[in-house]
Amino acid sequence: KYAYGGSVMASRVTTLAVAYSDANTVRSRLVGVAQCVRELCSAAGHSAQLPQLALPRIARFGFWHMGFRSEDDFAAAIETLHGRELGPTAGCPAGRLVLEREEQPFDGIAATACCSLSSLSSDHLSETEALLARRFGASGGLLAVYVPRLPSGWDPGVAALTFADGESAEAARLLLDGAPSHVAGDELTALRCAPRAGAGEGLSEAGAREIEALRLLRCEEHEI
């Protein structure tokens, strides 16, 4: 987390949700990884049929499901691919494959795996936080920047920016909403988050910020 020091009134603190990767960009990256892993699963299995893919409605969490037509195919995929380092190839980011059994059956499917690509390093998320802090902090009032750390290590493409007051948050939003992102081909989308009664109550400041940032990941894709 990238944070500034200082004391502020909690009632005036305002959060901006900032998407630095477009939802379509995140989904395209996830589809590319899933298709690559699907081909690898087919090569590892005993069946000529490719596993069935099921992508989540919200791609920012960085996981997908694959359905196998036999337990043998599922076992072969787990044995061959779980823990394997992948990429970067064909636009896929580098990472370690994680395949785990999921009790979410498909029609006509013997076994289902929940799949993700665990990043080998989260340093790039810290770099993203520092970059966003420099850009959004220029207008003043920025307290902290937080990119959610997902269990998979996937880059969610969204961050929570905390400002000392609504005026500072609005000034930053007006300045940078629609500006080019550091992600090639994307632009920044900044939305002011409506305050919620009791949000983060009983948690430390860092804990409350993390809960708020994770909530942003659940926003509808057309919103952020």
Protein backbone atom coordinates (compact mmCIF):
# COMPACT_ATOMS: atom_id res chain seq x y z
CA LYS A 1 0.00 0.00 0.00
CA TYR A 2 1.24 3.50 -0.88
CA ALA A 3 0.21 5.89 1.93
CA TYR A 4 0.84 9.43 3.10
CA GLY A 5 1.02 10.41 6.74
CA GLY A 6 -1.25 12.90 8.48
CA SER A 7 -4.41 13.03 10.53
CA VAL A 8 -7.82 13.70 8.98
CA MET A 9 -11.45 13.63 10.05
CA ALA A 10 -12.86 10.20 9.21
CA SER A 11 -16.21 11.67 8.18
CA ARG A 12 -14.56 13.64 5.35
CA VAL A 13 -12.48 10.81 3.91
CA THR A 14 -13.56 10.00 0.35
CA THR A 15 -12.69 7.01 -1.84
CA LEU A 16 -12.27 6.96 -5.60
CA ALA A 17 -12.45 3.72 -7.51
CA VAL A 18 -9.92 3.94 -10.33
CA ALA A 19 -9.77 1.39 -13.13
CA TYR A 20 -6.41 1.51 -14.90
CA SER A 21 -7.22 -1.52 -17.07
CA ASP A 22 -10.46 -1.58 -19.01
CA ALA A 23 -12.80 -4.46 -18.14
CA ASN A 24 -12.47 -5.75 -21.72
CA THR A 25 -8.68 -5.71 -21.43
CA VAL A 26 -8.78 -7.73 -18.22
CA ARG A 27 -11.24 -10.22 -19.73
CA SER A 28 -9.16 -10.55 -22.90
CA ARG A 29 -6.06 -11.37 -20.83
CA LEU A 30 -8.01 -13.95 -18.84
CA VAL A 31 -9.45 -15.54 -21.98
CA GLY A 32 -5.95 -15.77 -23.47
CA VAL A 33 -4.60 -17.52 -20.38
CA ALA A 34 -7.60 -19.86 -20.17
CA GLN A 35 -7.34 -20.87 -23.82
CA CYS A 36 -3.60 -21.51 -23.48
CA VAL A 37 -4.15 -23.71 -20.41
CA ARG A 38 -7.03 -25.48 -22.14
CA GLU A 39 -4.70 -26.53 -24.96
CA LEU A 40 -2.11 -27.73 -22.45
CA CYS A 41 -4.77 -29.75 -20.62
CA SER A 42 -5.79 -31.43 -23.85
CA ALA A 43 -2.18 -32.38 -24.57
CA ALA A 44 -1.82 -33.81 -21.06
CA GLY A 45 -5.08 -35.80 -21.05
CA HIS A 46 -6.25 -39.04 -22.60
CA SER A 47 -9.12 -37.52 -24.57
CA ALA A 48 -9.00 -35.76 -27.91
CA GLN A 49 -11.76 -33.42 -26.72
CA LEU A 50 -10.80 -30.07 -25.22
CA PRO A 51 -11.97 -29.29 -21.67
CA GLN A 52 -15.05 -27.09 -21.45
CA LEU A 53 -14.35 -23.50 -20.40
CA ALA A 54 -16.52 -21.37 -18.14
CA LEU A 55 -15.44 -17.77 -17.57
CA PRO A 56 -16.75 -15.67 -14.66
CA ARG A 57 -19.01 -12.67 -15.26
CA ILE A 58 -16.43 -10.48 -13.54
CA ALA A 59 -12.93 -11.19 -14.80
CA ARG A 60 -11.06 -8.98 -12.34
CA PHE A 61 -10.77 -11.82 -9.81
CA GLY A 62 -8.57 -13.74 -12.27
CA PHE A 63 -9.99 -17.26 -12.18
CA TRP A 64 -11.99 -19.50 -14.50
CA HIS A 65 -13.43 -23.05 -14.55
CA MET A 66 -12.70 -26.01 -16.79
CA GLY A 67 -14.88 -29.09 -17.11
CA PHE A 68 -13.30 -32.48 -17.86
CA ARG A 69 -15.19 -35.34 -19.46
CA SER A 70 -13.43 -38.01 -17.43
CA GLU A 71 -11.68 -38.35 -14.08
CA ASP A 72 -8.61 -39.58 -15.97
CA ASP A 73 -8.40 -36.32 -17.93
CA PHE A 74 -8.83 -34.31 -14.73
CA ALA A 75 -6.13 -36.31 -12.91
CA ALA A 76 -3.74 -35.97 -15.85
CA ALA A 77 -4.23 -32.19 -15.95
CA ILE A 78 -3.64 -31.84 -12.21
CA GLU A 79 -0.53 -34.03 -12.30
CA THR A 80 0.97 -32.36 -15.35
CA LEU A 81 -0.05 -28.71 -14.99
CA HIS A 82 -0.69 -27.82 -11.34
CA GLY A 83 2.26 -25.71 -10.17
CA ARG A 84 3.71 -25.38 -13.67
CA GLU A 85 5.22 -22.01 -14.59
CA LEU A 86 3.66 -20.51 -17.68
CA GLY A 87 4.54 -17.76 -20.12
CA PRO A 88 4.88 -15.13 -21.03
CA THR A 89 3.76 -16.42 -24.43
CA ALA A 90 1.12 -15.29 -26.92
CA GLY A 91 0.23 -12.31 -24.78
CA CYS A 92 -0.20 -14.36 -21.61
CA PRO A 93 1.44 -13.02 -18.44
CA ALA A 94 3.99 -15.16 -16.63
CA GLY A 95 2.87 -17.07 -13.56
CA ARG A 96 2.33 -20.39 -11.83
CA LEU A 97 -0.73 -22.45 -12.77
CA VAL A 98 -3.10 -23.43 -9.99
CA LEU A 99 -5.71 -26.12 -10.71
CA GLU A 100 -7.98 -27.29 -7.89
CA ARG A 101 -11.06 -29.49 -7.83
CA GLU A 102 -14.27 -27.47 -7.69
CA GLU A 103 -17.66 -28.85 -6.73
CA GLN A 104 -19.41 -27.03 -9.55
CA PRO A 105 -20.42 -29.68 -12.09
CA PHE A 106 -21.20 -28.98 -15.73
CA ASP A 107 -23.78 -30.99 -17.64
CA GLY A 108 -22.13 -34.16 -18.88
CA ILE A 109 -18.86 -33.33 -17.10
CA ALA A 110 -17.08 -35.75 -14.75
CA ALA A 111 -14.85 -33.26 -12.90
CA THR A 112 -14.45 -29.49 -12.69
CA ALA A 113 -11.28 -27.52 -11.93
CA CYS A 114 -11.06 -23.96 -10.64
CA CYS A 115 -8.05 -22.46 -12.39
CA SER A 116 -5.90 -19.39 -11.89
CA LEU A 117 -2.50 -18.04 -12.85
CA SER A 118 -0.62 -17.03 -9.72
CA SER A 119 1.79 -14.17 -10.33
CA LEU A 120 5.42 -14.93 -9.52
CA SER A 121 5.82 -11.47 -8.04
CA SER A 122 3.54 -8.71 -6.75
CA ASP A 123 6.19 -6.01 -7.20
CA HIS A 124 4.35 -4.66 -10.24
CA LEU A 125 1.30 -3.93 -8.06
CA SER A 126 3.43 -1.81 -5.71
CA GLU A 127 4.82 -0.01 -8.74
CA THR A 128 1.26 0.63 -9.97
CA GLU A 129 0.31 2.07 -6.57
CA ALA A 130 3.30 4.43 -6.63
CA LEU A 131 2.51 5.51 -10.19
CA LEU A 132 -1.15 6.23 -9.37
CA ALA A 133 -0.07 8.09 -6.22
CA ARG A 134 2.14 10.38 -8.28
CA ARG A 135 -0.58 11.12 -10.81
CA PHE A 136 -3.57 11.49 -8.49
CA GLY A 137 -1.59 13.12 -5.69
CA ALA A 138 -0.70 16.11 -7.84
CA SER A 139 -3.93 17.91 -6.94
CA GLY A 140 -3.42 17.33 -3.21
CA GLY A 141 -5.35 15.59 -0.44
CA LEU A 142 -4.37 12.00 -1.35
CA LEU A 143 -3.95 9.77 1.71
CA ALA A 144 -3.46 6.27 0.30
CA VAL A 145 -3.55 4.10 -2.82
CA TYR A 146 -4.39 0.42 -2.62
CA VAL A 147 -4.49 -2.24 -5.35
CA PRO A 148 -6.21 -5.37 -3.99
CA ARG A 149 -3.91 -8.36 -3.55
CA LEU A 150 -5.90 -11.35 -4.75
CA PRO A 151 -5.10 -14.90 -3.61
CA SER A 152 -4.19 -15.76 -7.20
CA GLY A 153 -1.81 -12.81 -7.55
CA TRP A 154 -3.78 -11.63 -10.59
CA ASP A 155 -3.58 -7.93 -11.45
CA PRO A 156 -7.18 -6.75 -11.01
CA GLY A 157 -6.69 -3.52 -12.95
CA VAL A 158 -8.50 -1.46 -10.31
CA ALA A 159 -7.41 0.52 -7.26
CA ALA A 160 -8.95 2.33 -4.28
CA LEU A 161 -7.66 5.86 -3.73
CA THR A 162 -8.42 7.51 -0.38
CA PHE A 163 -8.59 11.30 -0.12
CA ALA A 164 -8.82 13.55 2.91
CA ASP A 165 -12.03 15.15 1.66
CA GLY A 166 -14.54 15.15 -1.15
CA GLU A 167 -13.16 18.30 -2.73
CA SER A 168 -9.70 16.76 -3.23
CA ALA A 169 -11.21 13.56 -4.60
CA GLU A 170 -13.39 15.48 -7.07
CA ALA A 171 -10.46 17.61 -8.22
CA ALA A 172 -8.41 14.50 -8.94
CA ARG A 173 -11.34 12.81 -10.70
CA LEU A 174 -11.97 15.79 -12.97
CA LEU A 175 -8.27 16.02 -13.81
CA LEU A 176 -7.62 12.37 -14.64
CA ASP A 177 -10.88 10.60 -15.52
CA GLY A 178 -10.45 9.60 -19.17
CA ALA A 179 -6.70 10.30 -19.21
CA PRO A 180 -4.37 7.70 -20.77
CA SER A 181 -3.48 4.82 -18.45
CA HIS A 182 -0.02 3.32 -18.02
CA VAL A 183 -1.61 0.18 -19.54
CA ALA A 184 -1.15 0.57 -23.28
CA GLY A 185 -4.37 1.30 -25.13
CA ASP A 186 -6.46 1.91 -21.99
CA GLU A 187 -7.64 5.03 -20.21
CA LEU A 188 -8.24 5.79 -16.56
CA THR A 189 -11.79 5.55 -15.25
CA ALA A 190 -12.35 7.26 -11.91
CA LEU A 191 -15.60 6.98 -9.97
CA ARG A 192 -16.47 8.44 -6.61
CA CYS A 193 -17.70 5.74 -4.22
CA ALA A 194 -20.80 6.46 -2.19
CA PRO A 195 -20.07 6.21 1.55
CA ARG A 196 -21.65 3.26 3.36
CA ALA A 197 -22.79 3.42 6.96
CA GLY A 198 -20.62 1.23 9.17
CA ALA A 199 -18.19 0.32 6.38
CA GLY A 200 -15.08 -1.11 7.98
CA GLU A 201 -16.44 -0.60 11.48
CA GLY A 202 -14.26 -2.32 14.08
CA LEU A 203 -11.38 -2.80 11.63
CA SER A 204 -8.03 -1.06 11.48
CA GLU A 205 -7.65 1.68 8.88
CA ALA A 206 -5.70 -0.70 6.64
CA GLY A 207 -8.29 -3.44 7.08
CA ALA A 208 -11.18 -1.12 6.26
CA ARG A 209 -9.36 0.10 3.15
CA GLU A 210 -8.79 -3.46 1.97
CA ILE A 211 -12.45 -4.37 2.43
CA GLU A 212 -13.46 -1.29 0.45
CA ALA A 213 -11.01 -2.07 -2.36
CA LEU A 214 -12.18 -5.67 -2.63
CA ARG A 215 -15.76 -4.40 -2.82
CA LEU A 216 -14.73 -2.41 -5.90
CA LEU A 217 -13.83 -5.64 -7.67
CA ARG A 218 -17.46 -6.71 -7.42
CA CYS A 219 -18.72 -3.67 -9.29
CA GLU A 220 -20.56 -4.36 -12.52
CA GLU A 221 -18.12 -4.45 -15.42
CA HIS A 222 -19.87 -1.58 -17.22
CA GLU A 223 -19.35 0.63 -14.15
CA ILE A 224 -15.60 0.23 -13.74
